[in-house]
N, C-alpha and C. Protein backbone atom coordinates (compact mmCIF):
# COMPACT_ATOMS: atom_id res chain seq x y z
N UNK A 1 56.63 104.96 107.57
CA UNK A 1 57.85 104.27 108.57
C UNK A 1 57.63 102.66 108.90
N UNK A 2 58.40 101.91 108.30
CA UNK A 2 58.61 100.49 108.59
C UNK A 2 59.75 100.60 109.44
N UNK A 3 59.29 99.15 109.91
CA UNK A 3 60.39 98.71 111.26
C UNK A 3 60.78 97.35 110.92
N UNK A 4 62.55 97.26 110.06
CA UNK A 4 63.05 95.88 109.87
C UNK A 4 63.26 95.15 110.55
N UNK A 5 63.80 95.62 111.92
CA UNK A 5 64.49 95.15 112.86
C UNK A 5 64.12 96.08 114.33
N UNK A 6 63.99 95.37 115.23
CA UNK A 6 64.06 95.80 116.79
C UNK A 6 64.61 94.49 117.76
N UNK A 7 65.97 94.68 118.47
CA UNK A 7 66.87 94.04 118.86
C UNK A 7 66.59 94.20 120.21
N UNK A 8 66.87 93.53 121.09
CA UNK A 8 67.12 93.71 122.76
C UNK A 8 66.08 94.30 123.45
N UNK A 9 66.31 94.62 124.80
CA UNK A 9 65.12 95.01 125.57
C UNK A 9 64.97 96.64 125.28
N UNK A 10 63.92 96.81 125.86
CA UNK A 10 63.14 98.21 126.12
C UNK A 10 64.29 99.30 125.90
N UNK A 11 65.14 99.25 127.16
CA UNK A 11 65.76 99.76 127.39
C UNK A 11 67.15 99.98 126.57
N UNK A 12 67.38 99.05 125.89
CA UNK A 12 69.04 98.35 125.50
C UNK A 12 68.65 97.91 124.02
N UNK A 13 67.57 99.17 123.19
CA UNK A 13 67.12 98.24 122.19
C UNK A 13 67.88 98.72 120.92
N UNK A 14 68.20 97.97 119.77
CA UNK A 14 68.59 98.77 118.44
C UNK A 14 67.61 98.05 117.43
N UNK A 15 67.11 99.50 116.70
CA UNK A 15 66.11 99.58 115.73
C UNK A 15 66.41 99.84 114.45
N UNK A 16 66.12 99.35 113.46
CA UNK A 16 66.02 100.13 111.92
C UNK A 16 64.79 100.17 111.33
N UNK A 17 64.75 101.40 110.95
CA UNK A 17 63.77 101.69 110.50
C UNK A 17 63.46 102.25 108.72
N UNK A 18 63.24 101.78 108.12
CA UNK A 18 63.15 102.37 106.66
C UNK A 18 61.59 103.70 106.24
N UNK A 19 62.68 104.97 106.68
CA UNK A 19 61.89 105.92 106.13
C UNK A 19 61.10 106.13 104.90
N UNK A 20 60.38 106.93 105.13
CA UNK A 20 59.75 107.35 103.59
C UNK A 20 60.69 108.43 103.15
N UNK A 21 60.52 108.03 101.52
CA UNK A 21 61.75 109.33 100.86
C UNK A 21 61.20 109.37 99.78
N UNK A 22 61.29 110.87 99.13
CA UNK A 22 60.31 111.31 97.93
C UNK A 22 61.74 111.17 96.78
N UNK A 23 62.41 110.49 96.80
CA UNK A 23 63.63 110.30 95.78
C UNK A 23 63.21 109.44 95.46
N UNK A 24 63.31 108.68 94.26
CA UNK A 24 62.95 107.49 93.52
C UNK A 24 64.41 106.65 93.34
N UNK A 25 64.27 105.64 94.09
CA UNK A 25 65.00 104.53 93.96
C UNK A 25 66.17 104.43 95.36
N UNK A 26 65.79 105.39 96.00
CA UNK A 26 66.49 106.18 97.14
C UNK A 26 66.16 105.14 98.86
N UNK A 27 66.98 104.36 99.49
CA UNK A 27 65.85 103.92 100.71
C UNK A 27 66.83 104.58 101.53
N UNK A 28 66.01 105.02 102.51
CA UNK A 28 66.89 105.92 104.14
C UNK A 28 66.46 104.57 105.33
N UNK A 29 67.20 104.38 105.59
CA UNK A 29 67.32 103.51 106.84
C UNK A 29 68.21 104.29 108.13
N UNK A 30 67.25 104.28 109.02
CA UNK A 30 67.41 105.08 110.69
C UNK A 30 67.72 103.90 111.43
N UNK A 31 69.41 103.92 112.08
CA UNK A 31 69.62 102.75 113.03
C UNK A 31 69.06 103.99 113.96
N UNK A 32 68.80 103.26 115.19
CA UNK A 32 69.01 103.88 116.67
C UNK A 32 69.15 102.57 117.50
N UNK A 33 70.48 103.08 118.67
CA UNK A 33 70.65 102.46 119.57
C UNK A 33 72.47 102.21 119.37
N UNK A 34 72.54 100.65 120.07
CA UNK A 34 73.62 100.57 120.27
C UNK A 34 74.20 99.52 119.25
N UNK A 35 74.90 99.52 118.64
CA UNK A 35 75.80 98.59 117.84
C UNK A 35 77.22 97.82 118.64
N UNK A 36 76.82 96.88 118.94
CA UNK A 36 77.98 95.92 119.45
C UNK A 36 77.67 94.34 119.13
N UNK A 37 78.27 93.89 119.70
CA UNK A 37 78.24 92.21 119.67
C UNK A 37 76.87 91.71 119.61
N UNK A 38 75.96 92.10 120.58
CA UNK A 38 75.06 91.48 120.42
C UNK A 38 74.06 91.95 119.48
N UNK A 39 74.13 93.24 119.06
CA UNK A 39 73.05 93.40 118.01
C UNK A 39 73.66 93.52 116.03
N UNK A 40 75.49 93.43 116.33
CA UNK A 40 75.90 93.56 115.40
C UNK A 40 75.69 92.47 114.12
N UNK A 41 75.00 91.06 114.35
CA UNK A 41 74.72 90.06 113.30
C UNK A 41 73.31 90.49 112.59
N UNK A 42 72.12 90.65 113.93
CA UNK A 42 71.01 91.29 113.20
C UNK A 42 70.85 92.22 112.30
N UNK A 43 71.79 93.28 112.79
CA UNK A 43 71.73 94.69 111.90
C UNK A 43 72.52 94.37 110.54
N UNK A 44 73.50 93.46 110.67
CA UNK A 44 74.41 93.24 108.84
C UNK A 44 73.75 92.20 108.47
N UNK A 45 72.56 91.19 108.66
CA UNK A 45 71.70 90.56 107.93
C UNK A 45 70.81 91.74 107.45
N UNK A 46 70.31 92.84 108.38
CA UNK A 46 69.37 93.96 107.29
C UNK A 46 69.86 94.40 106.39
N UNK A 47 71.00 94.74 106.58
CA UNK A 47 71.70 95.61 105.68
C UNK A 47 71.89 95.68 104.48
N UNK A 48 72.67 94.09 104.37
CA UNK A 48 72.92 92.92 103.36
C UNK A 48 71.81 92.94 102.56
N UNK A 49 70.56 92.62 103.27
CA UNK A 49 69.65 92.08 102.18
C UNK A 49 68.97 93.61 101.96
N UNK A 50 68.88 94.84 102.01
CA UNK A 50 68.55 96.00 101.55
C UNK A 50 69.86 96.40 100.52
N UNK A 51 71.14 95.82 100.51
CA UNK A 51 71.78 96.52 99.78
C UNK A 51 72.07 95.22 98.79
N UNK A 52 70.60 94.77 98.31
CA UNK A 52 70.98 93.56 97.36
C UNK A 52 70.27 94.23 95.68
N UNK A 53 70.72 95.37 95.92
CA UNK A 53 70.82 95.79 94.39
C UNK A 53 69.05 96.27 94.10
N UNK A 54 68.05 96.50 95.24
CA UNK A 54 67.06 96.81 94.36
C UNK A 54 66.73 98.02 94.48
N UNK A 55 67.82 99.02 95.29
CA UNK A 55 68.00 100.15 95.39
C UNK A 55 69.01 101.20 94.70
N UNK A 56 68.80 102.04 94.06
CA UNK A 56 70.53 103.08 93.31
C UNK A 56 71.24 103.11 94.56
N UNK A 57 70.26 103.32 95.61
CA UNK A 57 71.33 104.49 96.87
C UNK A 57 70.14 104.30 97.96
N UNK A 58 71.51 103.89 99.02
CA UNK A 58 70.87 103.88 100.53
C UNK A 58 71.65 104.84 101.31
N UNK A 59 70.53 105.99 102.23
CA UNK A 59 71.38 106.46 103.41
C UNK A 59 71.13 105.85 104.62
N UNK A 60 71.74 105.52 105.42
CA UNK A 60 71.92 104.91 106.35
C UNK A 60 72.18 106.20 107.42
N UNK A 61 71.22 106.66 108.22
CA UNK A 61 70.92 107.45 109.32
C UNK A 61 71.47 107.25 110.28
N UNK A 62 72.58 107.42 110.82
CA UNK A 62 73.44 106.84 112.41
C UNK A 62 73.05 107.66 113.08
N UNK A 63 72.63 108.88 113.08
CA UNK A 63 72.19 110.40 114.41
C UNK A 63 71.65 109.65 115.69
N UNK A 64 71.09 108.55 115.73
CA UNK A 64 70.81 107.91 117.01
C UNK A 64 71.38 106.54 117.51
N UNK A 65 72.54 106.11 117.07
CA UNK A 65 73.17 105.62 117.34
C UNK A 65 73.92 105.59 118.69
N UNK A 66 73.73 104.87 119.81
CA UNK A 66 74.45 105.32 120.99
C UNK A 66 75.58 104.98 121.59
N UNK A 67 75.76 103.92 120.64
CA UNK A 67 77.38 103.41 120.87
C UNK A 67 77.85 102.16 119.79
N UNK A 68 78.87 102.75 119.09
CA UNK A 68 79.26 101.99 117.83
C UNK A 68 80.65 101.51 118.54
N UNK A 69 80.73 100.10 118.70
CA UNK A 69 82.07 99.37 119.12
C UNK A 69 82.85 98.57 118.15
N UNK A 70 83.73 98.51 117.66
CA UNK A 70 84.64 98.49 116.90
C UNK A 70 83.81 96.74 115.54
N UNK A 71 83.02 96.06 115.78
CA UNK A 71 82.29 95.34 115.04
C UNK A 71 81.27 96.03 114.38
N UNK A 72 80.95 97.30 114.93
CA UNK A 72 80.31 98.12 113.68
C UNK A 72 80.80 99.00 113.18
N UNK A 73 82.26 99.62 113.24
CA UNK A 73 83.19 99.83 112.55
C UNK A 73 83.52 98.64 111.06
N UNK A 74 83.89 97.78 111.66
CA UNK A 74 84.02 96.54 110.86
C UNK A 74 82.69 96.24 109.99
N UNK A 75 81.63 96.30 110.69
CA UNK A 75 80.46 96.40 109.36
C UNK A 75 79.82 97.27 108.73
N UNK A 76 80.38 98.31 108.96
CA UNK A 76 80.22 99.77 107.91
C UNK A 76 81.40 99.52 106.81
N UNK A 77 82.58 98.90 107.44
CA UNK A 77 83.56 98.62 105.63
C UNK A 77 83.14 97.61 105.36
N UNK A 78 82.47 96.63 105.75
CA UNK A 78 81.99 95.72 104.44
C UNK A 78 81.04 95.92 104.12
N UNK A 79 79.89 96.94 104.26
CA UNK A 79 79.07 97.90 103.63
C UNK A 79 78.92 98.44 102.86
N UNK A 80 80.48 99.19 103.01
CA UNK A 80 81.19 100.27 101.83
C UNK A 80 81.07 99.39 100.40
N UNK A 81 81.85 98.32 101.14
CA UNK A 81 82.64 97.38 100.16
C UNK A 81 81.40 96.79 99.28
N UNK A 82 80.08 95.82 100.09
CA UNK A 82 79.10 95.41 99.34
C UNK A 82 78.64 96.93 98.75
N UNK A 83 78.14 97.69 98.72
CA UNK A 83 77.30 99.33 98.14
C UNK A 83 78.24 99.21 97.10
N UNK A 84 79.63 98.92 97.29
CA UNK A 84 80.18 99.28 95.74
C UNK A 84 79.92 97.99 94.74
N UNK A 85 80.20 96.92 95.50
CA UNK A 85 79.94 95.96 94.41
C UNK A 85 78.81 95.91 93.79
N UNK A 86 78.07 96.15 94.49
CA UNK A 86 76.42 96.24 94.30
C UNK A 86 76.07 97.57 93.18
N UNK A 87 77.32 98.52 92.98
CA UNK A 87 76.78 99.69 92.47
C UNK A 87 75.59 100.64 92.91
N UNK A 88 75.80 100.24 94.30
CA UNK A 88 74.62 101.35 95.33
C UNK A 88 75.47 102.09 95.70
N UNK A 89 74.89 103.29 95.56
CA UNK A 89 75.11 104.71 96.11
C UNK A 89 74.98 104.95 97.52
N UNK A 90 76.12 104.79 98.70
CA UNK A 90 75.74 104.91 100.03
C UNK A 90 76.22 106.42 100.39
N UNK A 91 75.26 107.04 101.46
CA UNK A 91 75.59 107.82 102.27
C UNK A 91 75.13 107.72 104.04
N UNK A 92 76.42 107.74 103.99
CA UNK A 92 75.95 107.79 105.89
C UNK A 92 75.69 109.35 106.57
N UNK A 93 74.60 109.16 107.06
CA UNK A 93 74.20 110.93 107.97
C UNK A 93 74.52 110.34 109.63
N UNK A 94 75.56 111.28 109.69
CA UNK A 94 75.97 111.43 111.45
C UNK A 94 76.59 112.56 112.34
N UNK A 95 75.69 113.20 112.76
CA UNK A 95 76.48 114.17 113.93
C UNK A 95 76.87 113.98 115.27
N UNK A 96 76.25 112.93 115.57
CA UNK A 96 76.52 112.61 116.72
C UNK A 96 78.29 112.11 117.21
N UNK A 97 78.90 112.43 118.51
CA UNK A 97 79.93 112.14 118.51
C UNK A 97 80.16 110.98 118.53
N UNK A 98 79.63 110.18 119.11
CA UNK A 98 79.47 108.73 119.03
C UNK A 98 80.10 108.19 117.90
N UNK A 99 79.91 108.43 117.14
CA UNK A 99 79.85 107.85 115.79
C UNK A 99 80.66 108.72 114.64
N UNK A 100 81.00 109.99 115.19
CA UNK A 100 82.34 110.48 114.31
C UNK A 100 83.45 110.32 114.64
N UNK A 101 83.63 110.42 116.58
CA UNK A 101 84.87 109.89 116.85
C UNK A 101 85.30 108.33 116.38
N UNK A 102 84.20 107.67 116.34
CA UNK A 102 84.98 106.04 116.21
C UNK A 102 85.33 106.11 114.50
N UNK A 103 84.46 107.47 113.61
CA UNK A 103 85.32 106.94 112.19
C UNK A 103 86.23 107.92 112.16
N UNK A 104 86.70 108.44 112.88
CA UNK A 104 88.35 109.49 113.17
C UNK A 104 89.22 108.54 113.56
N UNK A 105 89.04 107.75 114.58
CA UNK A 105 90.27 107.08 115.31
C UNK A 105 90.27 106.01 114.43
N UNK A 106 89.33 105.26 113.49
CA UNK A 106 90.01 104.34 112.86
C UNK A 106 90.48 105.17 111.68
N UNK A 107 90.03 106.18 111.55
CA UNK A 107 90.58 106.83 109.91
C UNK A 107 89.50 106.35 108.77
N UNK A 108 88.12 106.04 109.09
CA UNK A 108 87.39 105.72 108.05
C UNK A 108 86.62 106.93 108.05
N UNK A 109 86.42 108.17 108.45
CA UNK A 109 86.21 109.01 108.10
C UNK A 109 86.02 110.09 106.73
N UNK A 110 87.43 109.38 105.94
CA UNK A 110 87.51 109.44 104.59
C UNK A 110 87.15 108.53 103.69
N UNK A 111 86.71 107.58 104.01
CA UNK A 111 86.37 106.31 103.35
C UNK A 111 84.86 106.40 103.02
N UNK A 112 83.99 106.76 103.86
CA UNK A 112 82.53 107.20 103.54
C UNK A 112 81.68 108.14 103.56
N UNK A 113 81.22 108.38 102.48
CA UNK A 113 80.67 109.79 102.43
C UNK A 113 79.88 110.53 103.30
N UNK A 114 79.55 111.31 103.83
CA UNK A 114 78.79 111.68 104.99
C UNK A 114 78.42 112.97 104.52
N UNK A 115 77.20 113.34 105.35
CA UNK A 115 75.63 114.30 105.31
C UNK A 115 75.78 114.45 106.46
N UNK A 116 75.34 115.80 106.83
CA UNK A 116 74.81 116.44 108.20
C UNK A 116 73.41 115.30 108.80
N UNK A 117 72.21 115.73 107.36
CA UNK A 117 71.17 115.41 107.46
C UNK A 117 70.59 114.43 106.25
N UNK A 118 69.34 114.01 107.01
CA UNK A 118 69.25 112.81 105.74
C UNK A 118 68.51 113.92 104.53
N UNK A 119 68.48 114.67 104.49
CA UNK A 119 67.73 115.56 102.76
C UNK A 119 68.99 115.95 102.56
N UNK A 120 70.26 116.50 103.16
CA UNK A 120 71.91 116.84 102.57
C UNK A 120 71.68 115.22 101.75
N UNK A 121 72.03 114.10 102.19
CA UNK A 121 72.37 112.89 101.95
C UNK A 121 71.27 112.46 100.82
N UNK A 122 70.02 112.64 100.98
CA UNK A 122 69.31 112.45 99.68
C UNK A 122 69.66 113.08 98.69
N UNK A 123 69.84 114.27 98.88
CA UNK A 123 69.88 114.85 97.57
C UNK A 123 71.26 114.53 97.46
N UNK A 124 72.76 114.80 97.83
CA UNK A 124 73.69 114.01 97.17
C UNK A 124 73.71 112.80 96.12
N UNK A 125 72.78 112.04 96.72
CA UNK A 125 72.05 110.67 95.95
C UNK A 125 71.35 111.21 94.87
N UNK A 126 70.78 111.73 94.32
CA UNK A 126 70.29 112.34 93.40
C UNK A 126 71.02 113.36 92.36
N UNK A 127 72.51 113.15 92.46
CA UNK A 127 73.59 113.77 91.58
C UNK A 127 73.50 113.07 90.57
């Protein structure tokens, strides 16, 4: 595991970690913590860097997201567009109510392909 970013204090930290993946060309990024005004800028920079066409697919594991502000939803929309423009398959792993509810309320639940687990998302990327 490689930590890409760690923002905030120990109690209110957002981290993004690259996880090992057995599928060639698939990057798995685990996001842990709150996505809000204080963290969305560095998170955007990190995700844009990883979507630069170096990988054929990116799995964004948001199962550890504890808060998702509107700016985080906007970031997801931007990342969807960026992945599409770069020809990168994007999958979102989301099981927690915080993320699922935010996607539902904003109408984004049908815009981004989701999976319940990282393994399921990686399998979807290999199709």
